[in-house]
PDB file of all heavy atoms in Angstrom:
ATOM      1  N   SER A   1     148.631 102.072 121.154  1.00  0.00           N
ATOM      2  CA  SER A   1     147.850 102.944 120.272  1.00  0.00           C
ATOM      3  C   SER A   1     147.253 102.172 119.096  1.00  0.00           C
ATOM      4  O   SER A   1     146.166 102.522 118.604  1.00  0.00           O
ATOM      5  CB  SER A   1     148.704 104.105 119.773  1.00  0.00           C
ATOM      6  OG  SER A   1     149.801 103.617 119.029  1.00  0.00           O
ATOM      7  N   TYR A   2     147.911 101.131 118.628  1.00  0.00           N
ATOM      8  CA  TYR A   2     147.381 100.324 117.530  1.00  0.00           C
ATOM      9  C   TYR A   2     146.081  99.628 117.970  1.00  0.00           C
ATOM     10  O   TYR A   2     145.092  99.634 117.224  1.00  0.00           O
ATOM     11  CB  TYR A   2     148.430  99.289 117.090  1.00  0.00           C
ATOM     12  CG  TYR A   2     147.961  98.432 115.947  1.00  0.00           C
ATOM     13  CD1 TYR A   2     147.881  98.941 114.657  1.00  0.00           C
ATOM     14  CD2 TYR A   2     147.592  97.100 116.159  1.00  0.00           C
ATOM     15  CE1 TYR A   2     147.449  98.164 113.603  1.00  0.00           C
ATOM     16  CE2 TYR A   2     147.149  96.311 115.110  1.00  0.00           C
ATOM     17  CZ  TYR A   2     147.082  96.843 113.829  1.00  0.00           C
ATOM     18  OH  TYR A   2     146.641  96.068 112.792  1.00  0.00           O
ATOM     19  N   THR A   3     146.069  99.073 119.158  1.00  0.00           N
ATOM     20  CA  THR A   3     144.866  98.408 119.679  1.00  0.00           C
ATOM     21  C   THR A   3     143.749  99.416 119.902  1.00  0.00           C
ATOM     22  O   THR A   3     142.575  99.117 119.654  1.00  0.00           O
ATOM     23  CB  THR A   3     145.191  97.657 120.991  1.00  0.00           C
ATOM     24  OG1 THR A   3     146.280  96.753 120.744  1.00  0.00           O
ATOM     25  CG2 THR A   3     144.002  96.860 121.491  1.00  0.00           C
ATOM     26  N   LYS A   4     144.106 100.628 120.330  1.00  0.00           N
ATOM     27  CA  LYS A   4     143.097 101.678 120.497  1.00  0.00           C
ATOM     28  C   LYS A   4     142.432 101.999 119.163  1.00  0.00           C
ATOM     29  O   LYS A   4     141.202 102.112 119.078  1.00  0.00           O
ATOM     30  CB  LYS A   4     143.725 102.952 121.082  1.00  0.00           C
ATOM     31  CG  LYS A   4     144.083 102.848 122.531  1.00  0.00           C
ATOM     32  CD  LYS A   4     144.718 104.146 123.031  1.00  0.00           C
ATOM     33  CE  LYS A   4     145.134 104.024 124.475  1.00  0.00           C
ATOM     34  NZ  LYS A   4     145.718 105.268 124.992  1.00  0.00           N
ATOM     35  N   ARG A   5     143.248 102.128 118.109  1.00  0.00           N
ATOM     36  CA  ARG A   5     142.694 102.403 116.779  1.00  0.00           C
ATOM     37  C   ARG A   5     141.804 101.253 116.308  1.00  0.00           C
ATOM     38  O   ARG A   5     140.745 101.484 115.714  1.00  0.00           O
ATOM     39  CB  ARG A   5     143.812 102.656 115.771  1.00  0.00           C
ATOM     40  CG  ARG A   5     144.395 104.047 115.837  1.00  0.00           C
ATOM     41  CD  ARG A   5     145.260 104.363 114.621  1.00  0.00           C
ATOM     42  NE  ARG A   5     146.282 103.366 114.353  1.00  0.00           N
ATOM     43  CZ  ARG A   5     147.533 103.416 114.821  1.00  0.00           C
ATOM     44  NH1 ARG A   5     147.917 104.426 115.581  1.00  0.00           N
ATOM     45  NH2 ARG A   5     148.401 102.476 114.520  1.00  0.00           N
ATOM     46  N   GLU A   6     142.251 100.030 116.572  1.00  0.00           N
ATOM     47  CA  GLU A   6     141.450  98.864 116.175  1.00  0.00           C
ATOM     48  C   GLU A   6     140.112  98.844 116.911  1.00  0.00           C
ATOM     49  O   GLU A   6     139.074  98.524 116.325  1.00  0.00           O
ATOM     50  CB  GLU A   6     142.200  97.566 116.458  1.00  0.00           C
ATOM     51  CG  GLU A   6     143.299  97.273 115.475  1.00  0.00           C
ATOM     52  CD  GLU A   6     143.955  95.931 115.765  1.00  0.00           C
ATOM     53  OE1 GLU A   6     144.094  95.563 116.955  1.00  0.00           O
ATOM     54  OE2 GLU A   6     144.329  95.255 114.800  1.00  0.00           O
ATOM     55  N   LEU A   7     140.126  99.182 118.187  1.00  0.00           N
ATOM     56  CA  LEU A   7     138.887  99.217 118.972  1.00  0.00           C
ATOM     57  C   LEU A   7     137.936 100.266 118.406  1.00  0.00           C
ATOM     58  O   LEU A   7     136.741 100.004 118.243  1.00  0.00           O
ATOM     59  CB  LEU A   7     139.176  99.518 120.442  1.00  0.00           C
ATOM     60  CG  LEU A   7     137.935  99.625 121.328  1.00  0.00           C
ATOM     61  CD1 LEU A   7     137.305  98.253 121.538  1.00  0.00           C
ATOM     62  CD2 LEU A   7     138.267 100.258 122.654  1.00  0.00           C
ATOM     63  N   ILE A   8     138.445 101.428 118.083  1.00  0.00           N
ATOM     64  CA  ILE A   8     137.615 102.491 117.516  1.00  0.00           C
ATOM     65  C   ILE A   8     137.037 102.050 116.174  1.00  0.00           C
ATOM     66  O   ILE A   8     135.862 102.268 115.887  1.00  0.00           O
ATOM     67  CB  ILE A   8     138.420 103.807 117.392  1.00  0.00           C
ATOM     68  CG1 ILE A   8     138.716 104.368 118.783  1.00  0.00           C
ATOM     69  CG2 ILE A   8     137.683 104.830 116.539  1.00  0.00           C
ATOM     70  CD1 ILE A   8     139.727 105.500 118.806  1.00  0.00           C
ATOM     71  N   GLU A   9     137.860 101.391 115.361  1.00  0.00           N
ATOM     72  CA  GLU A   9     137.390 100.913 114.057  1.00  0.00           C
ATOM     73  C   GLU A   9     136.317  99.826 114.228  1.00  0.00           C
ATOM     74  O   GLU A   9     135.318  99.815 113.502  1.00  0.00           O
ATOM     75  CB  GLU A   9     138.570 100.375 113.238  1.00  0.00           C
ATOM     76  CG  GLU A   9     138.246 100.144 111.789  1.00  0.00           C
ATOM     77  CD  GLU A   9     137.685 101.369 111.087  1.00  0.00           C
ATOM     78  OE1 GLU A   9     138.197 102.478 111.285  1.00  0.00           O
ATOM     79  OE2 GLU A   9     136.712 101.213 110.329  1.00  0.00           O
ATOM     80  N   CYS A  10     136.492  98.952 115.193  1.00  0.00           N
ATOM     81  CA  CYS A  10     135.476  97.925 115.472  1.00  0.00           C
ATOM     82  C   CYS A  10     134.174  98.570 115.948  1.00  0.00           C
ATOM     83  O   CYS A  10     133.080  98.125 115.567  1.00  0.00           O
ATOM     84  CB  CYS A  10     135.977  96.928 116.520  1.00  0.00           C
ATOM     85  SG  CYS A  10     137.141  95.717 115.896  1.00  0.00           S
ATOM     86  N   ALA A  11     134.286  99.595 116.771  1.00  0.00           N
ATOM     87  CA  ALA A  11     133.090 100.295 117.249  1.00  0.00           C
ATOM     88  C   ALA A  11     132.346 100.942 116.080  1.00  0.00           C
ATOM     89  O   ALA A  11     131.110 100.890 116.018  1.00  0.00           O
ATOM     90  CB  ALA A  11     133.467 101.342 118.295  1.00  0.00           C
ATOM     91  N   ARG A  12     133.080 101.516 115.155  1.00  0.00           N
ATOM     92  CA  ARG A  12     132.441 102.100 113.960  1.00  0.00           C
ATOM     93  C   ARG A  12     131.755 101.023 113.121  1.00  0.00           C
ATOM     94  O   ARG A  12     130.647 101.227 112.627  1.00  0.00           O
ATOM     95  CB  ARG A  12     133.474 102.829 113.107  1.00  0.00           C
ATOM     96  CG  ARG A  12     133.869 104.157 113.664  1.00  0.00           C
ATOM     97  CD  ARG A  12     134.748 104.922 112.689  1.00  0.00           C
ATOM     98  NE  ARG A  12     135.305 106.070 113.357  1.00  0.00           N
ATOM     99  CZ  ARG A  12     136.581 106.406 113.370  1.00  0.00           C
ATOM    100  NH1 ARG A  12     137.464 105.679 112.723  1.00  0.00           N
ATOM    101  NH2 ARG A  12     136.992 107.470 114.014  1.00  0.00           N
ATOM    102  N   ALA A  13     132.427  99.902 112.944  1.00  0.00           N
ATOM    103  CA  ALA A  13     131.854  98.813 112.145  1.00  0.00           C
ATOM    104  C   ALA A  13     130.579  98.280 112.790  1.00  0.00           C
ATOM    105  O   ALA A  13     129.586  98.003 112.107  1.00  0.00           O
ATOM    106  CB  ALA A  13     132.875  97.691 111.978  1.00  0.00           C
ATOM    107  N   VAL A  14     130.573  98.166 114.107  1.00  0.00           N
ATOM    108  CA  VAL A  14     129.395  97.669 114.806  1.00  0.00           C
ATOM    109  C   VAL A  14     128.250  98.674 114.698  1.00  0.00           C
ATOM    110  O   VAL A  14     127.096  98.292 114.484  1.00  0.00           O
ATOM    111  CB  VAL A  14     129.730  97.330 116.281  1.00  0.00           C
ATOM    112  CG1 VAL A  14     128.480  97.110 117.103  1.00  0.00           C
ATOM    113  CG2 VAL A  14     130.612  96.094 116.338  1.00  0.00           C
ATOM    114  N   THR A  15     128.565  99.944 114.802  1.00  0.00           N
ATOM    115  CA  THR A  15     127.531 100.971 114.649  1.00  0.00           C
ATOM    116  C   THR A  15     126.916 100.890 113.255  1.00  0.00           C
ATOM    117  O   THR A  15     125.696 101.006 113.094  1.00  0.00           O
ATOM    118  CB  THR A  15     128.133 102.369 114.894  1.00  0.00           C
ATOM    119  OG1 THR A  15     128.677 102.410 116.211  1.00  0.00           O
ATOM    120  CG2 THR A  15     127.086 103.450 114.752  1.00  0.00           C
ATOM    121  N   GLU A  16     127.743 100.662 112.262  1.00  0.00           N
ATOM    122  CA  GLU A  16     127.249 100.502 110.891  1.00  0.00           C
ATOM    123  C   GLU A  16     126.345  99.272 110.777  1.00  0.00           C
ATOM    124  O   GLU A  16     125.302  99.312 110.128  1.00  0.00           O
ATOM    125  CB  GLU A  16     128.449 100.370 109.954  1.00  0.00           C
ATOM    126  CG  GLU A  16     128.100 100.389 108.496  1.00  0.00           C
ATOM    127  CD  GLU A  16     129.365 100.342 107.642  1.00  0.00           C
ATOM    128  OE1 GLU A  16     130.234 101.213 107.814  1.00  0.00           O
ATOM    129  OE2 GLU A  16     129.464  99.420 106.812  1.00  0.00           O
ATOM    130  N   LYS A  17     126.729  98.193 111.434  1.00  0.00           N
ATOM    131  CA  LYS A  17     125.917  96.966 111.396  1.00  0.00           C
ATOM    132  C   LYS A  17     124.579  97.160 112.117  1.00  0.00           C
ATOM    133  O   LYS A  17     123.564  96.598 111.712  1.00  0.00           O
ATOM    134  CB  LYS A  17     126.700  95.798 111.985  1.00  0.00           C
ATOM    135  CG  LYS A  17     127.865  95.366 111.101  1.00  0.00           C
ATOM    136  CD  LYS A  17     128.684  94.271 111.729  1.00  0.00           C
ATOM    137  CE  LYS A  17     129.980  94.023 111.009  1.00  0.00           C
ATOM    138  NZ  LYS A  17     129.888  93.647 109.633  1.00  0.00           N
ATOM    139  N   VAL A  18     124.575  97.967 113.160  1.00  0.00           N
ATOM    140  CA  VAL A  18     123.316  98.292 113.836  1.00  0.00           C
ATOM    141  C   VAL A  18     122.382  99.002 112.867  1.00  0.00           C
ATOM    142  O   VAL A  18     121.190  98.690 112.789  1.00  0.00           O
ATOM    143  CB  VAL A  18     123.557  99.158 115.106  1.00  0.00           C
ATOM    144  CG1 VAL A  18     122.256  99.747 115.626  1.00  0.00           C
ATOM    145  CG2 VAL A  18     124.225  98.336 116.193  1.00  0.00           C
ATOM    146  N   SER A  19     122.917  99.937 112.094  1.00  0.00           N
ATOM    147  CA  SER A  19     122.068 100.659 111.139  1.00  0.00           C
ATOM    148  C   SER A  19     121.556  99.720 110.050  1.00  0.00           C
ATOM    149  O   SER A  19     120.429  99.880 109.564  1.00  0.00           O
ATOM    150  CB  SER A  19     122.796 101.853 110.545  1.00  0.00           C
ATOM    151  OG  SER A  19     123.848 101.433 109.718  1.00  0.00           O
ATOM    152  N   LEU A  20     122.331  98.712 109.667  1.00  0.00           N
ATOM    153  CA  LEU A  20     121.868  97.733 108.676  1.00  0.00           C
ATOM    154  C   LEU A  20     120.735  96.880 109.238  1.00  0.00           C
ATOM    155  O   LEU A  20     119.776  96.566 108.528  1.00  0.00           O
ATOM    156  CB  LEU A  20     123.034  96.848 108.220  1.00  0.00           C
ATOM    157  CG  LEU A  20     124.099  97.533 107.373  1.00  0.00           C
ATOM    158  CD1 LEU A  20     125.266  96.584 107.092  1.00  0.00           C
ATOM    159  CD2 LEU A  20     123.507  98.043 106.072  1.00  0.00           C
ATOM    160  N   VAL A  21     120.841  96.509 110.512  1.00  0.00           N
ATOM    161  CA  VAL A  21     119.755  95.753 111.149  1.00  0.00           C
ATOM    162  C   VAL A  21     118.494  96.616 111.186  1.00  0.00           C
ATOM    163  O   VAL A  21     117.395  96.157 110.861  1.00  0.00           O
ATOM    164  CB  VAL A  21     120.141  95.285 112.570  1.00  0.00           C
ATOM    165  CG1 VAL A  21     118.951  94.680 113.289  1.00  0.00           C
ATOM    166  CG2 VAL A  21     121.272  94.267 112.511  1.00  0.00           C
ATOM    167  N   LEU A  22     118.658  97.874 111.544  1.00  0.00           N
ATOM    168  CA  LEU A  22     117.503  98.781 111.578  1.00  0.00           C
ATOM    169  C   LEU A  22     116.852  98.920 110.211  1.00  0.00           C
ATOM    170  O   LEU A  22     115.628  98.911 110.098  1.00  0.00           O
ATOM    171  CB  LEU A  22     117.934 100.162 112.080  1.00  0.00           C
ATOM    172  CG  LEU A  22     118.077 100.308 113.586  1.00  0.00           C
ATOM    173  CD1 LEU A  22     118.707 101.653 113.934  1.00  0.00           C
ATOM    174  CD2 LEU A  22     116.743 100.165 114.269  1.00  0.00           C
ATOM    175  N   SER A  23     117.652  99.035 109.162  1.00  0.00           N
ATOM    176  CA  SER A  23     117.070  99.181 107.825  1.00  0.00           C
ATOM    177  C   SER A  23     116.330  97.917 107.412  1.00  0.00           C
ATOM    178  O   SER A  23     115.277  98.001 106.772  1.00  0.00           O
ATOM    179  CB  SER A  23     118.134  99.559 106.799  1.00  0.00           C
ATOM    180  OG  SER A  23     119.040  98.503 106.587  1.00  0.00           O
ATOM    181  N   ALA A  24     116.839  96.740 107.781  1.00  0.00           N
ATOM    182  CA  ALA A  24     116.127  95.490 107.473  1.00  0.00           C
ATOM    183  C   ALA A  24     114.811  95.428 108.231  1.00  0.00           C
ATOM    184  O   ALA A  24     113.783  95.001 107.689  1.00  0.00           O
ATOM    185  CB  ALA A  24     117.004  94.283 107.822  1.00  0.00           C
ATOM    186  N   LEU A  25     114.826  95.866 109.479  1.00  0.00           N
ATOM    187  CA  LEU A  25     113.585  95.872 110.273  1.00  0.00           C
ATOM    188  C   LEU A  25     112.570  96.842 109.693  1.00  0.00           C
ATOM    189  O   LEU A  25     111.379  96.548 109.639  1.00  0.00           O
ATOM    190  CB  LEU A  25     113.891  96.244 111.723  1.00  0.00           C
ATOM    191  CG  LEU A  25     114.638  95.195 112.524  1.00  0.00           C
ATOM    192  CD1 LEU A  25     115.081  95.769 113.865  1.00  0.00           C
ATOM    193  CD2 LEU A  25     113.783  93.965 112.721  1.00  0.00           C
ATOM    194  N   GLN A  26     113.036  98.003 109.257  1.00  0.00           N
ATOM    195  CA  GLN A  26     112.124  98.980 108.675  1.00  0.00           C
ATOM    196  C   GLN A  26     111.552  98.480 107.359  1.00  0.00           C
ATOM    197  O   GLN A  26     110.396  98.729 107.044  1.00  0.00           O
ATOM    198  CB  GLN A  26     112.829 100.321 108.498  1.00  0.00           C
ATOM    199  CG  GLN A  26     113.081 101.005 109.819  1.00  0.00           C
ATOM    200  CD  GLN A  26     114.002 102.207 109.724  1.00  0.00           C
ATOM    201  OE1 GLN A  26     114.722 102.370 108.754  1.00  0.00           O
ATOM    202  NE2 GLN A  26     113.995 103.040 110.750  1.00  0.00           N
ATOM    203  N   ALA A  27     112.337  97.732 106.588  1.00  0.00           N
ATOM    204  CA  ALA A  27     111.833  97.163 105.338  1.00  0.00           C
ATOM    205  C   ALA A  27     110.729  96.150 105.628  1.00  0.00           C
ATOM    206  O   ALA A  27     109.740  96.073 104.902  1.00  0.00           O
ATOM    207  CB  ALA A  27     112.966  96.500 104.560  1.00  0.00           C
ATOM    208  N   GLY A  28     110.897  95.397 106.706  1.00  0.00           N
ATOM    209  CA  GLY A  28     109.873  94.421 107.087  1.00  0.00           C
ATOM    210  C   GLY A  28     108.667  95.058 107.731  1.00  0.00           C
ATOM    211  O   GLY A  28     107.603  94.453 107.854  1.00  0.00           O
ATOM    212  N   ASN A  29     108.800  96.305 108.133  1.00  0.00           N
ATOM    213  CA  ASN A  29     107.737  97.010 108.845  1.00  0.00           C
ATOM    214  C   ASN A  29     106.808  97.765 107.901  1.00  0.00           C
ATOM    215  O   ASN A  29     105.798  98.293 108.323  1.00  0.00           O
ATOM    216  CB  ASN A  29     108.385  97.985 109.840  1.00  0.00           C
ATOM    217  CG  ASN A  29     107.415  98.539 110.833  1.00  0.00           C
ATOM    218  OD1 ASN A  29     106.428  97.913 111.171  1.00  0.00           O
ATOM    219  ND2 ASN A  29     107.690  99.734 111.314  1.00  0.00           N
ATOM    220  N   LYS A  30     107.142  97.819 106.609  1.00  0.00           N
ATOM    221  CA  LYS A  30     106.350  98.616 105.672  1.00  0.00           C
ATOM    222  C   LYS A  30     104.912  98.147 105.589  1.00  0.00           C
ATOM    223  O   LYS A  30     103.989  98.951 105.567  1.00  0.00           O
ATOM    224  CB  LYS A  30     106.993  98.595 104.282  1.00  0.00           C
ATOM    225  CG  LYS A  30     108.224  99.444 104.193  1.00  0.00           C
ATOM    226  CD  LYS A  30     108.837  99.411 102.820  1.00  0.00           C
ATOM    227  CE  LYS A  30     110.116 100.236 102.804  1.00  0.00           C
ATOM    228  NZ  LYS A  30     110.849 100.081 101.582  1.00  0.00           N
ATOM    229  N   GLY A  31     104.695  96.837 105.538  1.00  0.00           N
ATOM    230  CA  GLY A  31     103.329  96.309 105.477  1.00  0.00           C
ATOM    231  C   GLY A  31     102.551  96.638 106.730  1.00  0.00           C
ATOM    232  O   GLY A  31     101.373  97.027 106.662  1.00  0.00           O
ATOM    233  N   THR A  32     103.193  96.518 107.873  1.00  0.00           N
ATOM    234  CA  THR A  32     102.543  96.845 109.135  1.00  0.00           C
ATOM    235  C   THR A  32     102.172  98.317 109.175  1.00  0.00           C
ATOM    236  O   THR A  32     101.065  98.685 109.570  1.00  0.00           O
ATOM    237  CB  THR A  32     103.476  96.507 110.318  1.00  0.00           C
ATOM    238  OG1 THR A  32     103.836  95.131 110.234  1.00  0.00           O
ATOM    239  CG2 THR A  32     102.809  96.787 111.642  1.00  0.00           C
ATOM    240  N   GLN A  33     103.095  99.168 108.745  1.00  0.00           N
ATOM    241  CA  GLN A  33     102.832 100.602 108.749  1.00  0.00           C
ATOM    242  C   GLN A  33     101.711 100.951 107.788  1.00  0.00           C
ATOM    243  O   GLN A  33     100.868 101.805 108.077  1.00  0.00           O
ATOM    244  CB  GLN A  33     104.098 101.388 108.394  1.00  0.00           C
ATOM    245  CG  GLN A  33     103.946 102.876 108.572  1.00  0.00           C
ATOM    246  CD  GLN A  33     103.579 103.268 109.993  1.00  0.00           C
ATOM    247  OE1 GLN A  33     104.172 102.810 110.952  1.00  0.00           O
ATOM    248  NE2 GLN A  33     102.572 104.099 110.147  1.00  0.00           N
ATOM    249  N   ALA A  34     101.658 100.279 106.640  1.00  0.00           N
ATOM    250  CA  ALA A  34     100.583 100.526 105.675  1.00  0.00           C
ATOM    251  C   ALA A  34      99.233 100.158 106.275  1.00  0.00           C
ATOM    252  O   ALA A  34      98.239 100.871 106.088  1.00  0.00           O
ATOM    253  CB  ALA A  34     100.834  99.738 104.391  1.00  0.00           C
ATOM    254  N   CYS A  35      99.183  99.052 107.021  1.00  0.00           N
ATOM    255  CA  CYS A  35      97.930  98.644 107.678  1.00  0.00           C
ATOM    256  C   CYS A  35      97.519  99.664 108.746  1.00  0.00           C
ATOM    257  O   CYS A  35      96.340  99.997 108.867  1.00  0.00           O
ATOM    258  CB  CYS A  35      98.081  97.259 108.314  1.00  0.00           C
ATOM    259  SG  CYS A  35      98.146  95.927 107.117  1.00  0.00           S
ATOM    260  N   ILE A  36      98.474 100.157 109.499  1.00  0.00           N
ATOM    261  CA  ILE A  36      98.179 101.154 110.533  1.00  0.00           C
ATOM    262  C   ILE A  36      97.643 102.426 109.882  1.00  0.00           C
ATOM    263  O   ILE A  36      96.656 103.012 110.346  1.00  0.00           O
ATOM    264  CB  ILE A  36      99.440 101.452 111.381  1.00  0.00           C
ATOM    265  CG1 ILE A  36      99.785 100.235 112.247  1.00  0.00           C
ATOM    266  CG2 ILE A  36      99.244 102.692 112.245  1.00  0.00           C
ATOM    267  CD1 ILE A  36     101.149 100.317 112.908  1.00  0.00           C
ATOM    268  N   THR A  37      98.261 102.853 108.785  1.00  0.00           N
ATOM    269  CA  THR A  37      97.812 104.051 108.078  1.00  0.00           C
ATOM    270  C   THR A  37      96.407 103.856 107.524  1.00  0.00           C
ATOM    271  O   THR A  37      95.548 104.747 107.642  1.00  0.00           O
ATOM    272  CB  THR A  37      98.796 104.394 106.946  1.00  0.00           C
ATOM    273  OG1 THR A  37     100.094 104.564 107.511  1.00  0.00           O
ATOM    274  CG2 THR A  37      98.387 105.652 106.206  1.00  0.00           C
ATOM    275  N   ALA A  38      96.154 102.689 106.929  1.00  0.00           N
ATOM    276  CA  ALA A  38      94.827 102.407 106.375  1.00  0.00           C
ATOM    277  C   ALA A  38      93.779 102.359 107.479  1.00  0.00           C
ATOM    278  O   ALA A  38      92.672 102.895 107.325  1.00  0.00           O
ATOM    279  CB  ALA A  38      94.845 101.092 105.603  1.00  0.00           C
ATOM    280  N   ALA A  39      94.101 101.732 108.592  1.00  0.00           N
ATOM    281  CA  ALA A  39      93.156 101.651 109.710  1.00  0.00           C
ATOM    282  C   ALA A  39      92.846 103.043 110.248  1.00  0.00           C
ATOM    283  O   ALA A  39      91.693 103.352 110.587  1.00  0.00           O
ATOM    284  CB  ALA A  39      93.726 100.769 110.828  1.00  0.00           C
ATOM    285  N   SER A  40      93.853 103.895 110.288  1.00  0.00           N
ATOM    286  CA  SER A  40      93.636 105.257 110.754  1.00  0.00           C
ATOM    287  C   SER A  40      92.726 106.020 109.796  1.00  0.00           C
ATOM    288  O   SER A  40      91.825 106.749 110.230  1.00  0.00           O
ATOM    289  CB  SER A  40      94.986 105.964 110.882  1.00  0.00           C
ATOM    290  OG  SER A  40      94.808 107.304 111.249  1.00  0.00           O
ATOM    291  N   ALA A  41      92.936 105.835 108.492  1.00  0.00           N
ATOM    292  CA  ALA A  41      92.088 106.507 107.498  1.00  0.00           C
ATOM    293  C   ALA A  41      90.647 106.016 107.605  1.00  0.00           C
ATOM    294  O   ALA A  41      89.705 106.819 107.554  1.00  0.00           O
ATOM    295  CB  ALA A  41      92.631 106.252 106.099  1.00  0.00           C
ATOM    296  N   VAL A  42      90.477 104.700 107.769  1.00  0.00           N
ATOM    297  CA  VAL A  42      89.129 104.145 107.905  1.00  0.00           C
ATOM    298  C   VAL A  42      88.462 104.673 109.170  1.00  0.00           C
ATOM    299  O   VAL A  42      87.274 105.021 109.166  1.00  0.00           O
ATOM    300  CB  VAL A  42      89.160 102.599 107.884  1.00  0.00           C
ATOM    301  CG1 VAL A  42      87.825 102.004 108.283  1.00  0.00           C
ATOM    302  CG2 VAL A  42      89.565 102.106 106.502  1.00  0.00           C
ATOM    303  N   SER A  43      89.215 104.769 110.247  1.00  0.00           N
ATOM    304  CA  SER A  43      88.659 105.315 111.497  1.00  0.00           C
ATOM    305  C   SER A  43      88.197 106.753 111.302  1.00  0.00           C
ATOM    306  O   SER A  43      87.152 107.155 111.819  1.00  0.00           O
ATOM    307  CB  SER A  43      89.699 105.264 112.614  1.00  0.00           C
ATOM    308  OG  SER A  43      89.970 103.935 112.966  1.00  0.00           O
ATOM    309  N   GLY A  44      88.969 107.533 110.557  1.00  0.00           N
ATOM    310  CA  GLY A  44      88.576 108.911 110.271  1.00  0.00           C
ATOM    311  C   GLY A  44      87.297 108.987 109.455  1.00  0.00           C
ATOM    312  O   GLY A  44      86.414 109.812 109.728  1.00  0.00           O
ATOM    313  N   ILE A  45      87.173 108.110 108.476  1.00  0.00           N
ATOM    314  CA  ILE A  45      85.958 108.078 107.656  1.00  0.00           C
ATOM    315  C   ILE A  45      84.750 107.689 108.502  1.00  0.00           C
ATOM    316  O   ILE A  45      83.683 108.299 108.396  1.00  0.00           O
ATOM    317  CB  ILE A  45      86.135 107.108 106.461  1.00  0.00           C
ATOM    318  CG1 ILE A  45      87.171 107.680 105.496  1.00  0.00           C
ATOM    319  CG2 ILE A  45      84.806 106.853 105.756  1.00  0.00           C
ATOM    320  CD1 ILE A  45      87.648 106.699 104.438  1.00  0.00           C
ATOM    321  N   ILE A  46      84.932 106.697 109.356  1.00  0.00           N
ATOM    322  CA  ILE A  46      83.837 106.269 110.239  1.00  0.00           C
ATOM    323  C   ILE A  46      83.422 107.407 111.161  1.00  0.00           C
ATOM    324  O   ILE A  46      82.227 107.655 111.370  1.00  0.00           O
ATOM    325  CB  ILE A  46      84.241 105.012 111.043  1.00  0.00           C
ATOM    326  CG1 ILE A  46      84.340 103.811 110.097  1.00  0.00           C
ATOM    327  CG2 ILE A  46      83.254 104.736 112.177  1.00  0.00           C
ATOM    328  CD1 ILE A  46      84.933 102.573 110.726  1.00  0.00           C
TER     329      ILE A  46
END
């Protein structure tokens, strides 16, 4: 049962680390998203 608890705790920690990777990727994606939004606005104006 101790190893089972450790496995569950490791799974939680890894899930948390996945969310940290996602947040770093989203932070790096802000410029790209801003360009996509601007291009869409320009397309609408055209």
